[in-house]
Amino acid sequence: MQVRHVEQALLGLYALEPTHRAPLDYAQVEVERLRYLLGNGHHEEAREALGRIASGAEDATLLNGGAVEAKARRLVARCTELRGYFKNHEGALIDYGQRYRAGKPISTSRAEGRSTTWSMPG
């Protein structure tokens, strides 16, 4: 899923070794929570966390100047894309925690796209 894109964009910002890292550290906490929120059906909270991550990237730009601007814009864009995806696919998002607690099977086939059918040679 696109969560990995958000994680990678944040790592790209850290790689620039900005002087003022506090907004990025705050964003990192939110990124670490993101998978938990999504996996447990807290989709609205996940969208809010993405907003806070984007805000952290914007704050990092204000504090560190142009040195981080391009990568911060990339992180904001990834957050915006993912927020839109969640909003547009809210009915299709699966609460894996609820399924697990109910003893139902958990499958990644929807996330993987399409299933592959195998047949034995005859």
PDB file of N, CA and C in Angstrom:
ATOM      1  N   MET A   1       0.843  -1.180   0.000  1.00  0.00           N
ATOM      2  CA  MET A   1       0.000   0.000   0.000  1.00  0.00           C
ATOM      3  C   MET A   1       0.891   1.246   0.000  1.00  0.00           C
ATOM      4  N   GLN A   2       0.327   2.364  -0.182  1.00  0.00           N
ATOM      5  CA  GLN A   2       1.043   3.627  -0.305  1.00  0.00           C
ATOM      6  C   GLN A   2       1.619   4.138   1.009  1.00  0.00           C
ATOM      7  N   VAL A   3       1.354   3.443   2.105  1.00  0.00           N
ATOM      8  CA  VAL A   3       1.929   3.853   3.387  1.00  0.00           C
ATOM      9  C   VAL A   3       3.451   3.834   3.282  1.00  0.00           C
ATOM     10  N   ARG A   4       3.973   2.860   2.571  1.00  0.00           N
ATOM     11  CA  ARG A   4       5.423   2.753   2.412  1.00  0.00           C
ATOM     12  C   ARG A   4       5.983   3.994   1.724  1.00  0.00           C
ATOM     13  N   HIS A   5       5.240   4.584   0.811  1.00  0.00           N
ATOM     14  CA  HIS A   5       5.695   5.803   0.139  1.00  0.00           C
ATOM     15  C   HIS A   5       5.844   6.959   1.129  1.00  0.00           C
ATOM     16  N   VAL A   6       4.935   7.034   2.084  1.00  0.00           N
ATOM     17  CA  VAL A   6       5.022   8.072   3.116  1.00  0.00           C
ATOM     18  C   VAL A   6       6.258   7.823   3.979  1.00  0.00           C
ATOM     19  N   GLU A   7       6.454   6.567   4.364  1.00  0.00           N
ATOM     20  CA  GLU A   7       7.620   6.224   5.183  1.00  0.00           C
ATOM     21  C   GLU A   7       8.925   6.573   4.462  1.00  0.00           C
ATOM     22  N   GLN A   8       9.000   6.239   3.189  1.00  0.00           N
ATOM     23  CA  GLN A   8      10.217   6.504   2.424  1.00  0.00           C
ATOM     24  C   GLN A   8      10.459   8.002   2.235  1.00  0.00           C
ATOM     25  N   ALA A   9       9.404   8.761   2.026  1.00  0.00           N
ATOM     26  CA  ALA A   9       9.552  10.210   1.871  1.00  0.00           C
ATOM     27  C   ALA A   9      10.075  10.835   3.157  1.00  0.00           C
ATOM     28  N   LEU A  10       9.610  10.351   4.301  1.00  0.00           N
ATOM     29  CA  LEU A  10      10.102  10.869   5.578  1.00  0.00           C
ATOM     30  C   LEU A  10      11.576  10.502   5.768  1.00  0.00           C
ATOM     31  N   LEU A  11      11.941   9.282   5.406  1.00  0.00           N
ATOM     32  CA  LEU A  11      13.346   8.878   5.501  1.00  0.00           C
ATOM     33  C   LEU A  11      14.224   9.759   4.608  1.00  0.00           C
ATOM     34  N   GLY A  12      13.699  10.142   3.456  1.00  0.00           N
ATOM     35  CA  GLY A  12      14.437  11.038   2.562  1.00  0.00           C
ATOM     36  C   GLY A  12      14.701  12.388   3.209  1.00  0.00           C
ATOM     37  N   LEU A  13      13.747  12.873   3.976  1.00  0.00           N
ATOM     38  CA  LEU A  13      13.947  14.136   4.697  1.00  0.00           C
ATOM     39  C   LEU A  13      15.016  13.992   5.777  1.00  0.00           C
ATOM     40  N   TYR A  14      14.957  12.907   6.507  1.00  0.00           N
ATOM     41  CA  TYR A  14      15.972  12.663   7.539  1.00  0.00           C
ATOM     42  C   TYR A  14      17.359  12.541   6.929  1.00  0.00           C
ATOM     43  N   ALA A  15      17.450  11.969   5.742  1.00  0.00           N
ATOM     44  CA  ALA A  15      18.747  11.776   5.085  1.00  0.00           C
ATOM     45  C   ALA A  15      19.446  13.105   4.797  1.00  0.00           C
ATOM     46  N   LEU A  16      18.678  14.173   4.698  1.00  0.00           N
ATOM     47  CA  LEU A  16      19.269  15.493   4.468  1.00  0.00           C
ATOM     48  C   LEU A  16      19.914  16.067   5.731  1.00  0.00           C
ATOM     49  N   GLU A  17      19.731  15.390   6.858  1.00  0.00           N
ATOM     50  CA  GLU A  17      20.275  15.794   8.148  1.00  0.00           C
ATOM     51  C   GLU A  17      19.954  17.258   8.483  1.00  0.00           C
ATOM     52  N   PRO A  18      18.656  17.589   8.543  1.00  0.00           N
ATOM     53  CA  PRO A  18      18.277  18.971   8.857  1.00  0.00           C
ATOM     54  C   PRO A  18      18.692  19.360  10.273  1.00  0.00           C
ATOM     55  N   THR A  19      18.959  20.618  10.467  1.00  0.00           N
ATOM     56  CA  THR A  19      19.359  21.137  11.769  1.00  0.00           C
ATOM     57  C   THR A  19      18.213  21.026  12.772  1.00  0.00           C
ATOM     58  N   HIS A  20      17.025  21.402  12.339  1.00  0.00           N
ATOM     59  CA  HIS A  20      15.841  21.383  13.210  1.00  0.00           C
ATOM     60  C   HIS A  20      15.011  20.143  12.876  1.00  0.00           C
ATOM     61  N   ARG A  21      15.135  19.118  13.700  1.00  0.00           N
ATOM     62  CA  ARG A  21      14.496  17.833  13.432  1.00  0.00           C
ATOM     63  C   ARG A  21      13.199  17.596  14.192  1.00  0.00           C
ATOM     64  N   ALA A  22      12.858  18.452  15.130  1.00  0.00           N
ATOM     65  CA  ALA A  22      11.691  18.214  15.983  1.00  0.00           C
ATOM     66  C   ALA A  22      10.409  17.957  15.186  1.00  0.00           C
ATOM     67  N   PRO A  23      10.100  18.748  14.150  1.00  0.00           N
ATOM     68  CA  PRO A  23       8.871  18.456  13.396  1.00  0.00           C
ATOM     69  C   PRO A  23       8.917  17.083  12.723  1.00  0.00           C
ATOM     70  N   LEU A  24      10.106  16.672  12.296  1.00  0.00           N
ATOM     71  CA  LEU A  24      10.230  15.366  11.660  1.00  0.00           C
ATOM     72  C   LEU A  24      10.106  14.243  12.684  1.00  0.00           C
ATOM     73  N   ASP A  25      10.626  14.469  13.877  1.00  0.00           N
ATOM     74  CA  ASP A  25      10.494  13.472  14.939  1.00  0.00           C
ATOM     75  C   ASP A  25       9.015  13.283  15.303  1.00  0.00           C
ATOM     76  N   TYR A  26       8.292  14.383  15.344  1.00  0.00           N
ATOM     77  CA  TYR A  26       6.851  14.334  15.611  1.00  0.00           C
ATOM     78  C   TYR A  26       6.134  13.581  14.484  1.00  0.00           C
ATOM     79  N   ALA A  27       6.514  13.870  13.253  1.00  0.00           N
ATOM     80  CA  ALA A  27       5.920  13.178  12.103  1.00  0.00           C
ATOM     81  C   ALA A  27       6.252  11.688  12.141  1.00  0.00           C
ATOM     82  N   GLN A  28       7.454  11.343  12.589  1.00  0.00           N
ATOM     83  CA  GLN A  28       7.856   9.943  12.657  1.00  0.00           C
ATOM     84  C   GLN A  28       6.962   9.152  13.610  1.00  0.00           C
ATOM     85  N   VAL A  29       6.597   9.754  14.726  1.00  0.00           N
ATOM     86  CA  VAL A  29       5.692   9.101  15.671  1.00  0.00           C
ATOM     87  C   VAL A  29       4.364   8.804  14.986  1.00  0.00           C
ATOM     88  N   GLU A  30       3.865   9.760  14.221  1.00  0.00           N
ATOM     89  CA  GLU A  30       2.594   9.579  13.510  1.00  0.00           C
ATOM     90  C   GLU A  30       2.713   8.496  12.429  1.00  0.00           C
ATOM     91  N   VAL A  31       3.836   8.454  11.738  1.00  0.00           N
ATOM     92  CA  VAL A  31       4.042   7.436  10.699  1.00  0.00           C
ATOM     93  C   VAL A  31       4.044   6.045  11.335  1.00  0.00           C
ATOM     94  N   GLU A  32       4.690   5.919  12.481  1.00  0.00           N
ATOM     95  CA  GLU A  32       4.733   4.625  13.167  1.00  0.00           C
ATOM     96  C   GLU A  32       3.349   4.168  13.609  1.00  0.00           C
ATOM     97  N   ARG A  33       2.465   5.085  13.942  1.00  0.00           N
ATOM     98  CA  ARG A  33       1.083   4.759  14.337  1.00  0.00           C
ATOM     99  C   ARG A  33       0.197   4.431  13.142  1.00  0.00           C
ATOM    100  N   LEU A  34       0.572   4.907  11.982  1.00  0.00           N
ATOM    101  CA  LEU A  34      -0.290   4.843  10.809  1.00  0.00           C
ATOM    102  C   LEU A  34      -0.724   3.420  10.456  1.00  0.00           C
ATOM    103  N   ARG A  35       0.191   2.479  10.402  1.00  0.00           N
ATOM    104  CA  ARG A  35      -0.175   1.103  10.055  1.00  0.00           C
ATOM    105  C   ARG A  35      -1.130   0.494  11.088  1.00  0.00           C
ATOM    106  N   TYR A  36      -0.885   0.776  12.369  1.00  0.00           N
ATOM    107  CA  TYR A  36      -1.786   0.289  13.416  1.00  0.00           C
ATOM    108  C   TYR A  36      -3.192   0.846  13.195  1.00  0.00           C
ATOM    109  N   LEU A  37      -3.288   2.147  12.978  1.00  0.00           N
ATOM    110  CA  LEU A  37      -4.597   2.769  12.792  1.00  0.00           C
ATOM    111  C   LEU A  37      -5.341   2.157  11.616  1.00  0.00           C
ATOM    112  N   LEU A  38      -4.642   1.971  10.513  1.00  0.00           N
ATOM    113  CA  LEU A  38      -5.285   1.406   9.324  1.00  0.00           C
ATOM    114  C   LEU A  38      -5.699  -0.042   9.533  1.00  0.00           C
ATOM    115  N   GLY A  39      -4.822  -0.820  10.134  1.00  0.00           N
ATOM    116  CA  GLY A  39      -5.104  -2.235  10.328  1.00  0.00           C
ATOM    117  C   GLY A  39      -6.223  -2.506  11.310  1.00  0.00           C
ATOM    118  N   ASN A  40      -6.527  -1.523  12.146  1.00  0.00           N
ATOM    119  CA  ASN A  40      -7.550  -1.715  13.162  1.00  0.00           C
ATOM    120  C   ASN A  40      -8.793  -0.868  12.937  1.00  0.00           C
ATOM    121  N   GLY A  41      -8.979  -0.430  11.707  1.00  0.00           N
ATOM    122  CA  GLY A  41     -10.222   0.228  11.338  1.00  0.00           C
ATOM    123  C   GLY A  41     -10.373   1.670  11.767  1.00  0.00           C
ATOM    124  N   HIS A  42      -9.298   2.307  12.185  1.00  0.00           N
ATOM    125  CA  HIS A  42      -9.358   3.715  12.615  1.00  0.00           C
ATOM    126  C   HIS A  42      -9.002   4.616  11.431  1.00  0.00           C
ATOM    127  N   HIS A  43      -9.828   4.557  10.416  1.00  0.00           N
ATOM    128  CA  HIS A  43      -9.512   5.235   9.152  1.00  0.00           C
ATOM    129  C   HIS A  43      -9.544   6.749   9.268  1.00  0.00           C
ATOM    130  N   GLU A  44     -10.487   7.278  10.022  1.00  0.00           N
ATOM    131  CA  GLU A  44     -10.547   8.734  10.192  1.00  0.00           C
ATOM    132  C   GLU A  44      -9.317   9.218  10.956  1.00  0.00           C
ATOM    133  N   GLU A  45      -8.931   8.488  11.993  1.00  0.00           N
ATOM    134  CA  GLU A  45      -7.726   8.849  12.739  1.00  0.00           C
ATOM    135  C   GLU A  45      -6.481   8.752  11.855  1.00  0.00           C
ATOM    136  N   ALA A  46      -6.466   7.786  10.948  1.00  0.00           N
ATOM    137  CA  ALA A  46      -5.333   7.645  10.026  1.00  0.00           C
ATOM    138  C   ALA A  46      -5.255   8.861   9.105  1.00  0.00           C
ATOM    139  N   ARG A  47      -6.403   9.337   8.628  1.00  0.00           N
ATOM    140  CA  ARG A  47      -6.407  10.540   7.784  1.00  0.00           C
ATOM    141  C   ARG A  47      -5.912  11.750   8.570  1.00  0.00           C
ATOM    142  N   GLU A  48      -6.322  11.844   9.822  1.00  0.00           N
ATOM    143  CA  GLU A  48      -5.860  12.953  10.671  1.00  0.00           C
ATOM    144  C   GLU A  48      -4.352  12.863  10.911  1.00  0.00           C
ATOM    145  N   ALA A  49      -3.854  11.646  11.117  1.00  0.00           N
ATOM    146  CA  ALA A  49      -2.416  11.454  11.316  1.00  0.00           C
ATOM    147  C   ALA A  49      -1.649  11.877  10.067  1.00  0.00           C
ATOM    148  N   LEU A  50      -2.182  11.574   8.904  1.00  0.00           N
ATOM    149  CA  LEU A  50      -1.538  12.005   7.654  1.00  0.00           C
ATOM    150  C   LEU A  50      -1.489  13.522   7.566  1.00  0.00           C
ATOM    151  N   GLY A  51      -2.525  14.187   8.047  1.00  0.00           N
ATOM    152  CA  GLY A  51      -2.518  15.646   8.080  1.00  0.00           C
ATOM    153  C   GLY A  51      -1.427  16.175   9.000  1.00  0.00           C
ATOM    154  N   ARG A  52      -1.240  15.522  10.147  1.00  0.00           N
ATOM    155  CA  ARG A  52      -0.198  15.944  11.076  1.00  0.00           C
ATOM    156  C   ARG A  52       1.199  15.677  10.507  1.00  0.00           C
ATOM    157  N   ILE A  53       1.347  14.587   9.773  1.00  0.00           N
ATOM    158  CA  ILE A  53       2.637  14.281   9.140  1.00  0.00           C
ATOM    159  C   ILE A  53       2.967  15.361   8.115  1.00  0.00           C
ATOM    160  N   ALA A  54       1.982  15.719   7.301  1.00  0.00           N
ATOM    161  CA  ALA A  54       2.187  16.766   6.299  1.00  0.00           C
ATOM    162  C   ALA A  54       2.518  18.096   6.968  1.00  0.00           C
ATOM    163  N   SER A  55       1.849  18.382   8.064  1.00  0.00           N
ATOM    164  CA  SER A  55       2.117  19.615   8.807  1.00  0.00           C
ATOM    165  C   SER A  55       3.546  19.626   9.339  1.00  0.00           C
ATOM    166  N   GLY A  56       4.020  18.484   9.812  1.00  0.00           N
ATOM    167  CA  GLY A  56       5.401  18.377  10.279  1.00  0.00           C
ATOM    168  C   GLY A  56       6.391  18.646   9.167  1.00  0.00           C
ATOM    169  N   ALA A  57       6.085  18.162   7.972  1.00  0.00           N
ATOM    170  CA  ALA A  57       6.960  18.411   6.822  1.00  0.00           C
ATOM    171  C   ALA A  57       6.990  19.896   6.480  1.00  0.00           C
ATOM    172  N   GLU A  58       5.836  20.539   6.540  1.00  0.00           N
ATOM    173  CA  GLU A  58       5.780  21.972   6.253  1.00  0.00           C
ATOM    174  C   GLU A  58       6.540  22.773   7.311  1.00  0.00           C
ATOM    175  N   ASP A  59       6.407  22.360   8.580  1.00  0.00           N
ATOM    176  CA  ASP A  59       7.142  23.030   9.655  1.00  0.00           C
ATOM    177  C   ASP A  59       8.648  22.841   9.483  1.00  0.00           C
ATOM    178  N   ALA A  60       9.053  21.655   9.043  1.00  0.00           N
ATOM    179  CA  ALA A  60      10.485  21.399   8.810  1.00  0.00           C
ATOM    180  C   ALA A  60      11.023  22.321   7.729  1.00  0.00           C
ATOM    181  N   THR A  61      10.204  22.610   6.720  1.00  0.00           N
ATOM    182  CA  THR A  61      10.621  23.534   5.672  1.00  0.00           C
ATOM    183  C   THR A  61      10.790  24.940   6.233  1.00  0.00           C
ATOM    184  N   LEU A  62       9.841  25.368   7.051  1.00  0.00           N
ATOM    185  CA  LEU A  62       9.930  26.708   7.646  1.00  0.00           C
ATOM    186  C   LEU A  62      11.182  26.857   8.516  1.00  0.00           C
ATOM    187  N   LEU A  63      11.513  25.807   9.264  1.00  0.00           N
ATOM    188  CA  LEU A  63      12.649  25.873  10.183  1.00  0.00           C
ATOM    189  C   LEU A  63      14.004  25.658   9.504  1.00  0.00           C
ATOM    190  N   ASN A  64      14.016  24.872   8.437  1.00  0.00           N
ATOM    191  CA  ASN A  64      15.278  24.496   7.805  1.00  0.00           C
ATOM    192  C   ASN A  64      15.509  25.158   6.449  1.00  0.00           C
ATOM    193  N   GLY A  65      14.519  25.844   5.948  1.00  0.00           N
ATOM    194  CA  GLY A  65      14.691  26.559   4.689  1.00  0.00           C
ATOM    195  C   GLY A  65      14.661  25.657   3.468  1.00  0.00           C
ATOM    196  N   GLY A  66      15.212  26.195   2.402  1.00  0.00           N
ATOM    197  CA  GLY A  66      15.160  25.542   1.100  1.00  0.00           C
ATOM    198  C   GLY A  66      15.889  24.217   1.021  1.00  0.00           C
ATOM    199  N   ALA A  67      16.756  23.928   1.981  1.00  0.00           N
ATOM    200  CA  ALA A  67      17.526  22.682   1.942  1.00  0.00           C
ATOM    201  C   ALA A  67      16.629  21.448   1.983  1.00  0.00           C
ATOM    202  N   VAL A  68      15.478  21.559   2.615  1.00  0.00           N
ATOM    203  CA  VAL A  68      14.586  20.403   2.733  1.00  0.00           C
ATOM    204  C   VAL A  68      13.283  20.580   1.949  1.00  0.00           C
ATOM    205  N   GLU A  69      13.138  21.695   1.290  1.00  0.00           N
ATOM    206  CA  GLU A  69      11.853  22.033   0.677  1.00  0.00           C
ATOM    207  C   GLU A  69      11.348  20.994  -0.322  1.00  0.00           C
ATOM    208  N   ALA A  70      12.190  20.538  -1.230  1.00  0.00           N
ATOM    209  CA  ALA A  70      11.746  19.597  -2.267  1.00  0.00           C
ATOM    210  C   ALA A  70      11.284  18.276  -1.657  1.00  0.00           C
ATOM    211  N   LYS A  71      12.054  17.759  -0.719  1.00  0.00           N
ATOM    212  CA  LYS A  71      11.674  16.483  -0.113  1.00  0.00           C
ATOM    213  C   LYS A  71      10.468  16.643   0.807  1.00  0.00           C
ATOM    214  N   ALA A  72      10.339  17.783   1.447  1.00  0.00           N
ATOM    215  CA  ALA A  72       9.162  18.041   2.280  1.00  0.00           C
ATOM    216  C   ALA A  72       7.908  18.113   1.414  1.00  0.00           C
ATOM    217  N   ARG A  73       8.016  18.751   0.258  1.00  0.00           N
ATOM    218  CA  ARG A  73       6.876  18.805  -0.677  1.00  0.00           C
ATOM    219  C   ARG A  73       6.483  17.400  -1.114  1.00  0.00           C
ATOM    220  N   ARG A  74       7.476  16.541  -1.329  1.00  0.00           N
ATOM    221  CA  ARG A  74       7.201  15.162  -1.737  1.00  0.00           C
ATOM    222  C   ARG A  74       6.436  14.431  -0.627  1.00  0.00           C
ATOM    223  N   LEU A  75       6.845  14.628   0.625  1.00  0.00           N
ATOM    224  CA  LEU A  75       6.151  13.988   1.736  1.00  0.00           C
ATOM    225  C   LEU A  75       4.717  14.498   1.849  1.00  0.00           C
ATOM    226  N   VAL A  76       4.532  15.792   1.704  1.00  0.00           N
ATOM    227  CA  VAL A  76       3.176  16.360   1.748  1.00  0.00           C
ATOM    228  C   VAL A  76       2.325  15.768   0.624  1.00  0.00           C
ATOM    229  N   ALA A  77       2.897  15.637  -0.553  1.00  0.00           N
ATOM    230  CA  ALA A  77       2.161  15.068  -1.690  1.00  0.00           C
ATOM    231  C   ALA A  77       1.763  13.621  -1.422  1.00  0.00           C
ATOM    232  N   ARG A  78       2.661  12.842  -0.849  1.00  0.00           N
ATOM    233  CA  ARG A  78       2.357  11.435  -0.548  1.00  0.00           C
ATOM    234  C   ARG A  78       1.234  11.343   0.490  1.00  0.00           C
ATOM    235  N   CYS A  79       1.275  12.207   1.487  1.00  0.00           N
ATOM    236  CA  CYS A  79       0.220  12.224   2.503  1.00  0.00           C
ATOM    237  C   CYS A  79      -1.123  12.604   1.890  1.00  0.00           C
ATOM    238  N   THR A  80      -1.103  13.590   1.017  1.00  0.00           N
ATOM    239  CA  THR A  80      -2.335  14.038   0.360  1.00  0.00           C
ATOM    240  C   THR A  80      -2.917  12.934  -0.508  1.00  0.00           C
ATOM    241  N   GLU A  81      -2.061  12.251  -1.254  1.00  0.00           N
ATOM    242  CA  GLU A  81      -2.515  11.143  -2.102  1.00  0.00           C
ATOM    243  C   GLU A  81      -3.139  10.035  -1.268  1.00  0.00           C
ATOM    244  N   LEU A  82      -2.484   9.687  -0.170  1.00  0.00           N
ATOM    245  CA  LEU A  82      -2.987   8.601   0.664  1.00  0.00           C
ATOM    246  C   LEU A  82      -4.286   8.984   1.363  1.00  0.00           C
ATOM    247  N   ARG A  83      -4.389  10.228   1.802  1.00  0.00           N
ATOM    248  CA  ARG A  83      -5.649  10.695   2.407  1.00  0.00           C
ATOM    249  C   ARG A  83      -6.791  10.590   1.392  1.00  0.00           C
ATOM    250  N   GLY A  84      -6.522  10.982   0.161  1.00  0.00           N
ATOM    251  CA  GLY A  84      -7.534  10.869  -0.890  1.00  0.00           C
ATOM    252  C   GLY A  84      -7.922   9.430  -1.163  1.00  0.00           C
ATOM    253  N   TYR A  85      -6.938   8.553  -1.167  1.00  0.00           N
ATOM    254  CA  TYR A  85      -7.205   7.128  -1.389  1.00  0.00           C
ATOM    255  C   TYR A  85      -8.117   6.590  -0.290  1.00  0.00           C
ATOM    256  N   PHE A  86      -7.810   6.917   0.963  1.00  0.00           N
ATOM    257  CA  PHE A  86      -8.637   6.436   2.070  1.00  0.00           C
ATOM    258  C   PHE A  86     -10.055   6.964   1.969  1.00  0.00           C
ATOM    259  N   LYS A  87     -10.178   8.223   1.611  1.00  0.00           N
ATOM    260  CA  LYS A  87     -11.508   8.827   1.497  1.00  0.00           C
ATOM    261  C   LYS A  87     -12.301   8.173   0.365  1.00  0.00           C
ATOM    262  N   ASN A  88     -11.662   7.936  -0.772  1.00  0.00           N
ATOM    263  CA  ASN A  88     -12.349   7.376  -1.930  1.00  0.00           C
ATOM    264  C   ASN A  88     -12.649   5.882  -1.796  1.00  0.00           C
ATOM    265  N   HIS A  89     -11.918   5.177  -0.934  1.00  0.00           N
ATOM    266  CA  HIS A  89     -12.093   3.733  -0.802  1.00  0.00           C
ATOM    267  C   HIS A  89     -12.509   3.315   0.600  1.00  0.00           C
ATOM    268  N   GLU A  90     -13.113   4.222   1.336  1.00  0.00           N
ATOM    269  CA  GLU A  90     -13.454   3.957   2.726  1.00  0.00           C
ATOM    270  C   GLU A  90     -14.283   2.694   2.897  1.00  0.00           C
ATOM    271  N   GLY A  91     -15.226   2.465   2.024  1.00  0.00           N
ATOM    272  CA  GLY A  91     -16.072   1.278   2.128  1.00  0.00           C
ATOM    273  C   GLY A  91     -15.342  -0.020   1.850  1.00  0.00           C
ATOM    274  N   ALA A  92     -14.219   0.054   1.174  1.00  0.00           N
ATOM    275  CA  ALA A  92     -13.473  -1.157   0.831  1.00  0.00           C
ATOM    276  C   ALA A  92     -12.320  -1.439   1.793  1.00  0.00           C
ATOM    277  N   LEU A  93     -12.025  -0.516   2.707  1.00  0.00           N
ATOM    278  CA  LEU A  93     -10.926  -0.725   3.643  1.00  0.00           C
ATOM    279  C   LEU A  93     -11.327  -1.777   4.671  1.00  0.00           C
ATOM    280  N   ILE A  94     -10.420  -2.688   4.954  1.00  0.00           N
ATOM    281  CA  ILE A  94     -10.699  -3.815   5.832  1.00  0.00           C
ATOM    282  C   ILE A  94     -10.149  -3.542   7.222  1.00  0.00           C
ATOM    283  N   ASP A  95     -10.942  -3.841   8.236  1.00  0.00           N
ATOM    284  CA  ASP A  95     -10.507  -3.753   9.623  1.00  0.00           C
ATOM    285  C   ASP A  95      -9.964  -5.129  10.011  1.00  0.00           C
ATOM    286  N   TYR A  96      -8.670  -5.316   9.837  1.00  0.00           N
ATOM    287  CA  TYR A  96      -8.046  -6.609  10.094  1.00  0.00           C
ATOM    288  C   TYR A  96      -8.101  -6.984  11.572  1.00  0.00           C
ATOM    289  N   GLY A  97      -8.003  -6.008  12.461  1.00  0.00           N
ATOM    290  CA  GLY A  97      -8.094  -6.282  13.889  1.00  0.00           C
ATOM    291  C   GLY A  97      -9.446  -6.865  14.265  1.00  0.00           C
ATOM    292  N   GLN A  98     -10.498  -6.308  13.728  1.00  0.00           N
ATOM    293  CA  GLN A  98     -11.848  -6.799  14.008  1.00  0.00           C
ATOM    294  C   GLN A  98     -12.014  -8.217  13.472  1.00  0.00           C
ATOM    295  N   ARG A  99     -11.524  -8.461  12.272  1.00  0.00           N
ATOM    296  CA  ARG A  99     -11.617  -9.806  11.692  1.00  0.00           C
ATOM    297  C   ARG A  99     -10.847 -10.816  12.545  1.00  0.00           C
ATOM    298  N   TYR A 100      -9.668 -10.412  12.994  1.00  0.00           N
ATOM    299  CA  TYR A 100      -8.838 -11.305  13.814  1.00  0.00           C
ATOM    300  C   TYR A 100      -9.549 -11.650  15.123  1.00  0.00           C
ATOM    301  N   ARG A 101     -10.097 -10.620  15.787  1.00  0.00           N
ATOM    302  CA  ARG A 101     -10.780 -10.840  17.058  1.00  0.00           C
ATOM    303  C   ARG A 101     -12.034 -11.684  16.896  1.00  0.00           C
ATOM    304  N   ALA A 102     -12.655 -11.622  15.712  1.00  0.00           N
ATOM    305  CA  ALA A 102     -13.859 -12.404  15.440  1.00  0.00           C
ATOM    306  C   ALA A 102     -13.522 -13.823  14.976  1.00  0.00           C
ATOM    307  N   GLY A 103     -12.241 -14.139  14.860  1.00  0.00           N
ATOM    308  CA  GLY A 103     -11.838 -15.472  14.428  1.00  0.00           C
ATOM    309  C   GLY A 103     -12.007 -15.710  12.941  1.00  0.00           C
ATOM    310  N   LYS A 104     -12.180 -14.640  12.188  1.00  0.00           N
ATOM    311  CA  LYS A 104     -12.345 -14.759  10.735  1.00  0.00           C
ATOM    312  C   LYS A 104     -10.977 -14.810  10.066  1.00  0.00           C
ATOM    313  N   PRO A 105     -10.922 -15.444   8.892  1.00  0.00           N
ATOM    314  CA  PRO A 105      -9.634 -15.491   8.185  1.00  0.00           C
ATOM    315  C   PRO A 105      -9.208 -14.109   7.698  1.00  0.00           C
ATOM    316  N   ILE A 106      -7.917 -13.922   7.658  1.00  0.00           N
ATOM    317  CA  ILE A 106      -7.353 -12.662   7.188  1.00  0.00           C
ATOM    318  C   ILE A 106      -6.565 -12.973   5.927  1.00  0.00           C
ATOM    319  N   SER A 107      -6.881 -12.278   4.861  1.00  0.00           N
ATOM    320  CA  SER A 107      -6.231 -12.520   3.586  1.00  0.00           C
ATOM    321  C   SER A 107      -5.757 -11.209   3.003  1.00  0.00           C
ATOM    322  N   THR A 108      -4.645 -11.255   2.299  1.00  0.00           N
ATOM    323  CA  THR A 108      -4.146 -10.060   1.627  1.00  0.00           C
ATOM    324  C   THR A 108      -4.502 -10.070   0.149  1.00  0.00           C
ATOM    325  N   SER A 109      -5.369 -10.982  -0.266  1.00  0.00           N
ATOM    326  CA  SER A 109      -5.661 -11.105  -1.692  1.00  0.00           C
ATOM    327  C   SER A 109      -6.213  -9.813  -2.286  1.00  0.00           C
ATOM    328  N   ARG A 110      -7.014  -9.062  -1.525  1.00  0.00           N
ATOM    329  CA  ARG A 110      -7.528  -7.783  -2.045  1.00  0.00           C
ATOM    330  C   ARG A 110      -6.394  -6.791  -2.228  1.00  0.00           C
ATOM    331  N   ALA A 111      -5.454  -6.812  -1.303  1.00  0.00           N
ATOM    332  CA  ALA A 111      -4.323  -5.897  -1.382  1.00  0.00           C
ATOM    333  C   ALA A 111      -3.360  -6.305  -2.486  1.00  0.00           C
ATOM    334  N   GLU A 112      -3.295  -7.589  -2.768  1.00  0.00           N
ATOM    335  CA  GLU A 112      -2.369  -8.079  -3.780  1.00  0.00           C
ATOM    336  C   GLU A 112      -2.900  -7.852  -5.194  1.00  0.00           C
ATOM    337  N   GLY A 113      -4.145  -7.523  -5.318  1.00  0.00           N
ATOM    338  CA  GLY A 113      -4.686  -7.246  -6.650  1.00  0.00           C
ATOM    339  C   GLY A 113      -5.530  -8.385  -7.166  1.00  0.00           C
ATOM    340  N   ARG A 114      -4.905  -9.314  -7.826  1.00  0.00           N
ATOM    341  CA  ARG A 114      -5.659 -10.429  -8.404  1.00  0.00           C
ATOM    342  C   ARG A 114      -5.034 -11.732  -7.941  1.00  0.00           C
ATOM    343  N   SER A 115      -5.835 -12.756  -7.916  1.00  0.00           N
ATOM    344  CA  SER A 115      -5.312 -14.056  -7.499  1.00  0.00           C
ATOM    345  C   SER A 115      -4.841 -14.819  -8.734  1.00  0.00           C
ATOM    346  N   THR A 116      -3.968 -15.736  -8.499  1.00  0.00           N
ATOM    347  CA  THR A 116      -3.430 -16.559  -9.573  1.00  0.00           C
ATOM    348  C   THR A 116      -4.001 -17.955  -9.427  1.00  0.00           C
ATOM    349  N   THR A 117      -4.456 -18.514 -10.503  1.00  0.00           N
ATOM    350  CA  THR A 117      -5.005 -19.867 -10.494  1.00  0.00           C
ATOM    351  C   THR A 117      -3.987 -20.800 -11.118  1.00  0.00           C
ATOM    352  N   TRP A 118      -3.726 -21.875 -10.420  1.00  0.00           N
ATOM    353  CA  TRP A 118      -2.768 -22.863 -10.898  1.00  0.00           C
ATOM    354  C   TRP A 118      -3.507 -24.124 -11.295  1.00  0.00           C
ATOM    355  N   SER A 119      -3.049 -24.788 -12.335  1.00  0.00           N
ATOM    356  CA  SER A 119      -3.623 -26.084 -12.709  1.00  0.00           C
ATOM    357  C   SER A 119      -2.487 -27.072 -12.880  1.00  0.00           C
ATOM    358  N   MET A 120      -2.782 -28.314 -12.543  1.00  0.00           N
ATOM    359  CA  MET A 120      -1.786 -29.381 -12.666  1.00  0.00           C
ATOM    360  C   MET A 120      -1.720 -29.830 -14.118  1.00  0.00           C
ATOM    361  N   PRO A 121      -0.514 -30.049 -14.640  1.00  0.00           N
ATOM    362  CA  PRO A 121      -0.419 -30.559 -16.010  1.00  0.00           C
ATOM    363  C   PRO A 121      -1.004 -31.957 -16.084  1.00  0.00           C
ATOM    364  N   GLY A 122      -1.678 -32.203 -17.125  1.00  0.00           N
ATOM    365  CA  GLY A 122      -2.395 -33.454 -17.185  1.00  0.00           C
ATOM    366  C   GLY A 122      -1.906 -34.375 -18.170  1.00  0.00           C
TER     367      GLY A 122
END
